[in-house]
């Protein structure tokens, strides 16, 4: 029997996934600009046969938008970033118009 450890990587991942799935879906593109970075999911609500069995409650994609400098290992952010908003605008444009 496995001992429960709420701070284990697996359990933290499960907690993060549950919290993410508790957010209500919203349509793209976002109606108002906002600041912040983070994780997002794309849920499909159309009639495309490949995605119909998932239903709207299961994401077809999970992504992440990092603040500027994060990929280079810099952790201090000097100003608020619109990384997540910008990523969602790009995703919406790609979905609507292609690459």
N, C-alpha and C. Protein backbone atom coordinates (compact mmCIF):
# COMPACT_ATOMS: atom_id res chain seq x y z
N UNK A 1 0.85 -1.18 0.00
CA UNK A 1 0.00 0.00 0.00
C UNK A 1 0.89 1.24 0.00
N UNK A 2 0.51 2.20 -0.81
CA UNK A 2 1.27 3.43 -0.96
C UNK A 2 0.82 4.45 0.08
N UNK A 3 1.80 5.11 0.72
CA UNK A 3 1.49 6.14 1.71
C UNK A 3 1.12 7.43 1.00
N UNK A 4 0.07 8.10 1.49
CA UNK A 4 -0.38 9.36 0.90
C UNK A 4 0.56 10.48 1.32
N UNK A 5 1.08 11.21 0.34
CA UNK A 5 1.94 12.36 0.59
C UNK A 5 1.40 13.53 -0.24
N UNK A 6 0.69 14.48 0.40
CA UNK A 6 0.07 15.58 -0.35
C UNK A 6 1.08 16.48 -1.06
N UNK A 7 2.35 16.40 -0.69
CA UNK A 7 3.37 17.23 -1.33
C UNK A 7 4.19 16.48 -2.37
N UNK A 8 3.82 15.24 -2.67
CA UNK A 8 4.53 14.51 -3.71
C UNK A 8 4.24 15.14 -5.07
N UNK A 9 5.13 14.97 -6.00
CA UNK A 9 4.96 15.53 -7.34
C UNK A 9 3.66 15.03 -7.98
N UNK A 10 3.39 13.74 -7.84
CA UNK A 10 2.16 13.19 -8.42
C UNK A 10 0.91 13.82 -7.82
N UNK A 11 0.88 13.94 -6.50
CA UNK A 11 -0.30 14.50 -5.85
C UNK A 11 -0.46 15.98 -6.14
N UNK A 12 0.64 16.72 -6.19
CA UNK A 12 0.56 18.14 -6.56
C UNK A 12 0.04 18.30 -7.98
N UNK A 13 0.46 17.41 -8.87
CA UNK A 13 -0.04 17.44 -10.24
C UNK A 13 -1.54 17.17 -10.30
N UNK A 14 -1.99 16.18 -9.54
CA UNK A 14 -3.43 15.88 -9.50
C UNK A 14 -4.22 17.07 -8.95
N UNK A 15 -3.70 17.71 -7.92
CA UNK A 15 -4.39 18.87 -7.33
C UNK A 15 -4.46 20.02 -8.32
N UNK A 16 -3.37 20.26 -9.04
CA UNK A 16 -3.35 21.33 -10.04
C UNK A 16 -4.34 21.03 -11.16
N UNK A 17 -4.39 19.79 -11.60
CA UNK A 17 -5.32 19.40 -12.67
C UNK A 17 -6.77 19.59 -12.22
N UNK A 18 -7.09 19.19 -11.00
CA UNK A 18 -8.45 19.37 -10.48
C UNK A 18 -8.81 20.85 -10.42
N UNK A 19 -7.90 21.67 -9.94
CA UNK A 19 -8.17 23.10 -9.84
C UNK A 19 -8.37 23.72 -11.23
N UNK A 20 -7.56 23.32 -12.18
CA UNK A 20 -7.67 23.85 -13.54
C UNK A 20 -9.02 23.46 -14.15
N UNK A 21 -9.44 22.24 -13.94
CA UNK A 21 -10.70 21.77 -14.52
C UNK A 21 -11.92 22.39 -13.85
N UNK A 22 -11.75 23.02 -12.68
CA UNK A 22 -12.87 23.67 -12.00
C UNK A 22 -13.22 25.02 -12.61
N UNK A 23 -12.31 25.60 -13.42
CA UNK A 23 -12.60 26.88 -14.06
C UNK A 23 -13.66 26.69 -15.13
N UNK A 24 -14.63 27.60 -15.22
CA UNK A 24 -15.65 27.47 -16.26
C UNK A 24 -15.05 27.79 -17.63
N UNK A 25 -15.54 27.15 -18.69
CA UNK A 25 -15.02 27.46 -20.03
C UNK A 25 -15.42 28.86 -20.46
N UNK A 26 -14.64 29.42 -21.34
CA UNK A 26 -14.91 30.73 -21.91
C UNK A 26 -14.58 30.66 -23.38
N UNK A 27 -15.12 31.55 -24.17
CA UNK A 27 -14.89 31.53 -25.61
C UNK A 27 -13.65 32.33 -25.97
N UNK A 28 -13.06 31.95 -27.10
CA UNK A 28 -11.93 32.70 -27.65
C UNK A 28 -12.46 33.66 -28.71
N UNK A 29 -11.84 34.78 -28.91
CA UNK A 29 -10.75 35.35 -28.12
C UNK A 29 -11.28 35.97 -26.83
N UNK A 30 -10.40 36.19 -25.86
CA UNK A 30 -10.85 36.86 -24.62
C UNK A 30 -11.42 38.24 -24.96
N UNK A 31 -12.50 38.61 -24.28
CA UNK A 31 -13.13 39.89 -24.57
C UNK A 31 -12.36 41.07 -24.00
N UNK A 32 -11.68 40.88 -22.88
CA UNK A 32 -10.93 41.96 -22.25
C UNK A 32 -9.48 41.54 -22.05
N UNK A 33 -8.56 42.47 -22.26
CA UNK A 33 -7.14 42.19 -22.01
C UNK A 33 -6.92 42.03 -20.51
N UNK A 34 -5.94 41.22 -20.15
CA UNK A 34 -5.60 41.00 -18.75
C UNK A 34 -4.11 40.71 -18.65
N UNK A 35 -3.58 40.82 -17.44
CA UNK A 35 -2.17 40.52 -17.22
C UNK A 35 -2.03 39.19 -16.51
N UNK A 36 -0.88 38.57 -16.69
CA UNK A 36 -0.59 37.32 -16.02
C UNK A 36 -0.07 36.28 -16.99
N UNK A 37 0.50 35.25 -16.44
CA UNK A 37 0.98 34.10 -17.19
C UNK A 37 0.35 32.87 -16.57
N UNK A 38 0.45 31.74 -17.24
CA UNK A 38 -0.08 30.54 -16.62
C UNK A 38 -0.47 29.47 -17.60
N UNK A 39 -1.28 28.54 -17.11
CA UNK A 39 -1.70 27.36 -17.85
C UNK A 39 -3.10 27.60 -18.38
N UNK A 40 -3.37 27.04 -19.57
CA UNK A 40 -4.70 27.14 -20.15
C UNK A 40 -5.07 25.82 -20.82
N UNK A 41 -6.36 25.60 -20.99
CA UNK A 41 -6.83 24.42 -21.71
C UNK A 41 -7.71 24.89 -22.86
N UNK A 42 -7.74 24.09 -23.91
CA UNK A 42 -8.67 24.33 -25.01
C UNK A 42 -9.67 23.18 -25.01
N UNK A 43 -10.93 23.54 -24.93
CA UNK A 43 -12.01 22.57 -24.97
C UNK A 43 -12.78 22.78 -26.26
N UNK A 44 -13.16 21.71 -26.91
CA UNK A 44 -13.86 21.80 -28.18
C UNK A 44 -15.35 21.63 -27.96
N UNK A 45 -16.16 22.54 -28.56
CA UNK A 45 -17.60 22.48 -28.38
C UNK A 45 -18.33 22.43 -29.72
N UNK A 46 -17.69 21.88 -30.74
CA UNK A 46 -18.30 21.80 -32.06
C UNK A 46 -18.77 20.40 -32.38
N UNK A 47 -18.92 20.13 -33.67
CA UNK A 47 -19.45 18.84 -34.12
C UNK A 47 -18.42 18.00 -34.85
N UNK A 48 -17.14 18.34 -34.77
CA UNK A 48 -16.10 17.57 -35.44
C UNK A 48 -16.07 16.17 -34.83
N UNK A 49 -16.25 15.12 -35.66
CA UNK A 49 -16.38 13.76 -35.12
C UNK A 49 -15.24 13.30 -34.22
N UNK A 50 -14.02 13.69 -34.50
CA UNK A 50 -12.88 13.22 -33.71
C UNK A 50 -12.95 13.69 -32.26
N UNK A 51 -13.64 14.80 -31.99
CA UNK A 51 -13.67 15.35 -30.64
C UNK A 51 -15.02 15.17 -29.94
N UNK A 52 -16.03 14.68 -30.63
CA UNK A 52 -17.37 14.61 -30.04
C UNK A 52 -17.44 13.72 -28.80
N UNK A 53 -16.68 12.64 -28.76
CA UNK A 53 -16.74 11.75 -27.60
C UNK A 53 -16.15 12.36 -26.34
N UNK A 54 -15.31 13.37 -26.49
CA UNK A 54 -14.71 14.01 -25.31
C UNK A 54 -15.73 14.86 -24.57
N UNK A 55 -16.65 15.46 -25.28
CA UNK A 55 -17.56 16.40 -24.65
C UNK A 55 -16.82 17.69 -24.32
N UNK A 56 -17.53 18.70 -23.97
CA UNK A 56 -16.93 20.01 -23.71
C UNK A 56 -16.13 20.05 -22.41
N UNK A 57 -16.33 19.06 -21.52
CA UNK A 57 -15.65 19.11 -20.22
C UNK A 57 -14.22 18.60 -20.25
N UNK A 58 -13.78 17.94 -21.33
CA UNK A 58 -12.42 17.41 -21.43
C UNK A 58 -11.61 18.23 -22.42
N UNK A 59 -10.46 18.74 -22.02
CA UNK A 59 -9.67 19.55 -22.94
C UNK A 59 -9.05 18.71 -24.06
N UNK A 60 -8.91 19.35 -25.22
CA UNK A 60 -8.20 18.70 -26.33
C UNK A 60 -6.74 19.17 -26.36
N UNK A 61 -6.42 20.20 -25.55
CA UNK A 61 -5.06 20.71 -25.51
C UNK A 61 -4.84 21.42 -24.17
N UNK A 62 -3.66 21.26 -23.61
CA UNK A 62 -3.25 22.00 -22.41
C UNK A 62 -1.96 22.73 -22.77
N UNK A 63 -1.93 24.03 -22.52
CA UNK A 63 -0.76 24.83 -22.85
C UNK A 63 -0.32 25.70 -21.70
N UNK A 64 0.80 26.38 -21.89
CA UNK A 64 1.35 27.23 -20.84
C UNK A 64 1.94 28.48 -21.49
N UNK A 65 1.72 29.62 -20.88
CA UNK A 65 2.31 30.87 -21.33
C UNK A 65 3.21 31.39 -20.21
N UNK A 66 4.50 31.45 -20.50
CA UNK A 66 5.49 31.92 -19.52
C UNK A 66 5.67 33.42 -19.61
N UNK A 67 5.99 34.09 -18.50
CA UNK A 67 6.32 35.51 -18.56
C UNK A 67 7.64 35.71 -19.30
N UNK A 68 7.87 36.90 -19.86
CA UNK A 68 9.13 37.15 -20.57
C UNK A 68 10.33 36.88 -19.67
N UNK A 69 11.35 36.23 -20.23
CA UNK A 69 12.57 35.93 -19.49
C UNK A 69 12.56 34.60 -18.78
N UNK A 70 11.42 34.00 -18.60
CA UNK A 70 11.32 32.74 -17.86
C UNK A 70 12.09 31.61 -18.54
N UNK A 71 12.03 31.57 -19.85
CA UNK A 71 12.71 30.49 -20.57
C UNK A 71 14.23 30.59 -20.49
N UNK A 72 14.73 31.77 -20.17
CA UNK A 72 16.17 31.94 -19.99
C UNK A 72 16.59 31.75 -18.53
N UNK A 73 15.66 31.38 -17.67
CA UNK A 73 15.98 31.12 -16.28
C UNK A 73 15.84 32.32 -15.37
N UNK A 74 15.46 33.47 -15.93
CA UNK A 74 15.24 34.64 -15.08
C UNK A 74 13.89 34.51 -14.41
N UNK A 75 13.85 34.72 -13.11
CA UNK A 75 12.59 34.55 -12.38
C UNK A 75 11.97 35.87 -11.96
N UNK A 76 12.74 36.92 -11.85
CA UNK A 76 12.18 38.21 -11.43
C UNK A 76 11.49 38.87 -12.62
N UNK A 77 10.27 39.32 -12.41
CA UNK A 77 9.53 40.02 -13.45
C UNK A 77 9.40 41.47 -13.00
N UNK A 78 9.90 42.38 -13.82
CA UNK A 78 9.93 43.78 -13.42
C UNK A 78 8.60 44.48 -13.66
N UNK A 79 7.78 43.95 -14.55
CA UNK A 79 6.49 44.58 -14.83
C UNK A 79 5.47 43.49 -15.13
N UNK A 80 4.19 43.80 -14.96
CA UNK A 80 3.17 42.81 -15.27
C UNK A 80 3.24 42.39 -16.74
N UNK A 81 3.03 41.12 -16.98
CA UNK A 81 3.10 40.57 -18.33
C UNK A 81 1.70 40.18 -18.82
N UNK A 82 1.51 40.33 -20.11
CA UNK A 82 0.25 39.89 -20.71
C UNK A 82 0.47 38.58 -21.48
N UNK A 83 1.40 37.74 -21.00
CA UNK A 83 1.80 36.53 -21.72
C UNK A 83 0.62 35.60 -22.00
N UNK A 84 -0.25 35.37 -21.03
CA UNK A 84 -1.36 34.45 -21.24
C UNK A 84 -2.38 35.04 -22.21
N UNK A 85 -2.72 36.29 -22.03
CA UNK A 85 -3.66 36.95 -22.95
C UNK A 85 -3.12 36.91 -24.38
N UNK A 86 -1.85 37.25 -24.54
CA UNK A 86 -1.24 37.25 -25.88
C UNK A 86 -1.27 35.85 -26.49
N UNK A 87 -0.97 34.83 -25.70
CA UNK A 87 -0.99 33.46 -26.21
C UNK A 87 -2.39 33.07 -26.67
N UNK A 88 -3.42 33.45 -25.90
CA UNK A 88 -4.79 33.10 -26.28
C UNK A 88 -5.22 33.81 -27.56
N UNK A 89 -4.75 35.02 -27.78
CA UNK A 89 -5.04 35.73 -29.03
C UNK A 89 -4.39 35.01 -30.20
N UNK A 90 -3.15 34.56 -30.02
CA UNK A 90 -2.45 33.82 -31.08
C UNK A 90 -3.16 32.50 -31.37
N UNK A 91 -3.54 31.77 -30.31
CA UNK A 91 -4.24 30.50 -30.49
C UNK A 91 -5.54 30.72 -31.25
N UNK A 92 -6.29 31.73 -30.88
CA UNK A 92 -7.56 32.02 -31.56
C UNK A 92 -7.31 32.33 -33.04
N UNK A 93 -6.31 33.13 -33.33
CA UNK A 93 -5.99 33.47 -34.70
C UNK A 93 -5.61 32.23 -35.51
N UNK A 94 -4.82 31.35 -34.91
CA UNK A 94 -4.41 30.11 -35.57
C UNK A 94 -5.62 29.22 -35.85
N UNK A 95 -6.51 29.10 -34.88
CA UNK A 95 -7.70 28.26 -35.05
C UNK A 95 -8.59 28.82 -36.17
N UNK A 96 -8.76 30.13 -36.18
CA UNK A 96 -9.67 30.74 -37.15
C UNK A 96 -9.07 30.86 -38.56
N UNK A 97 -7.75 31.07 -38.64
CA UNK A 97 -7.15 31.40 -39.94
C UNK A 97 -6.04 30.46 -40.37
N UNK A 98 -5.58 29.57 -39.51
CA UNK A 98 -4.51 28.65 -39.85
C UNK A 98 -3.15 29.29 -39.68
N UNK A 99 -2.10 28.50 -39.93
CA UNK A 99 -0.72 29.02 -39.71
C UNK A 99 -0.33 30.11 -40.69
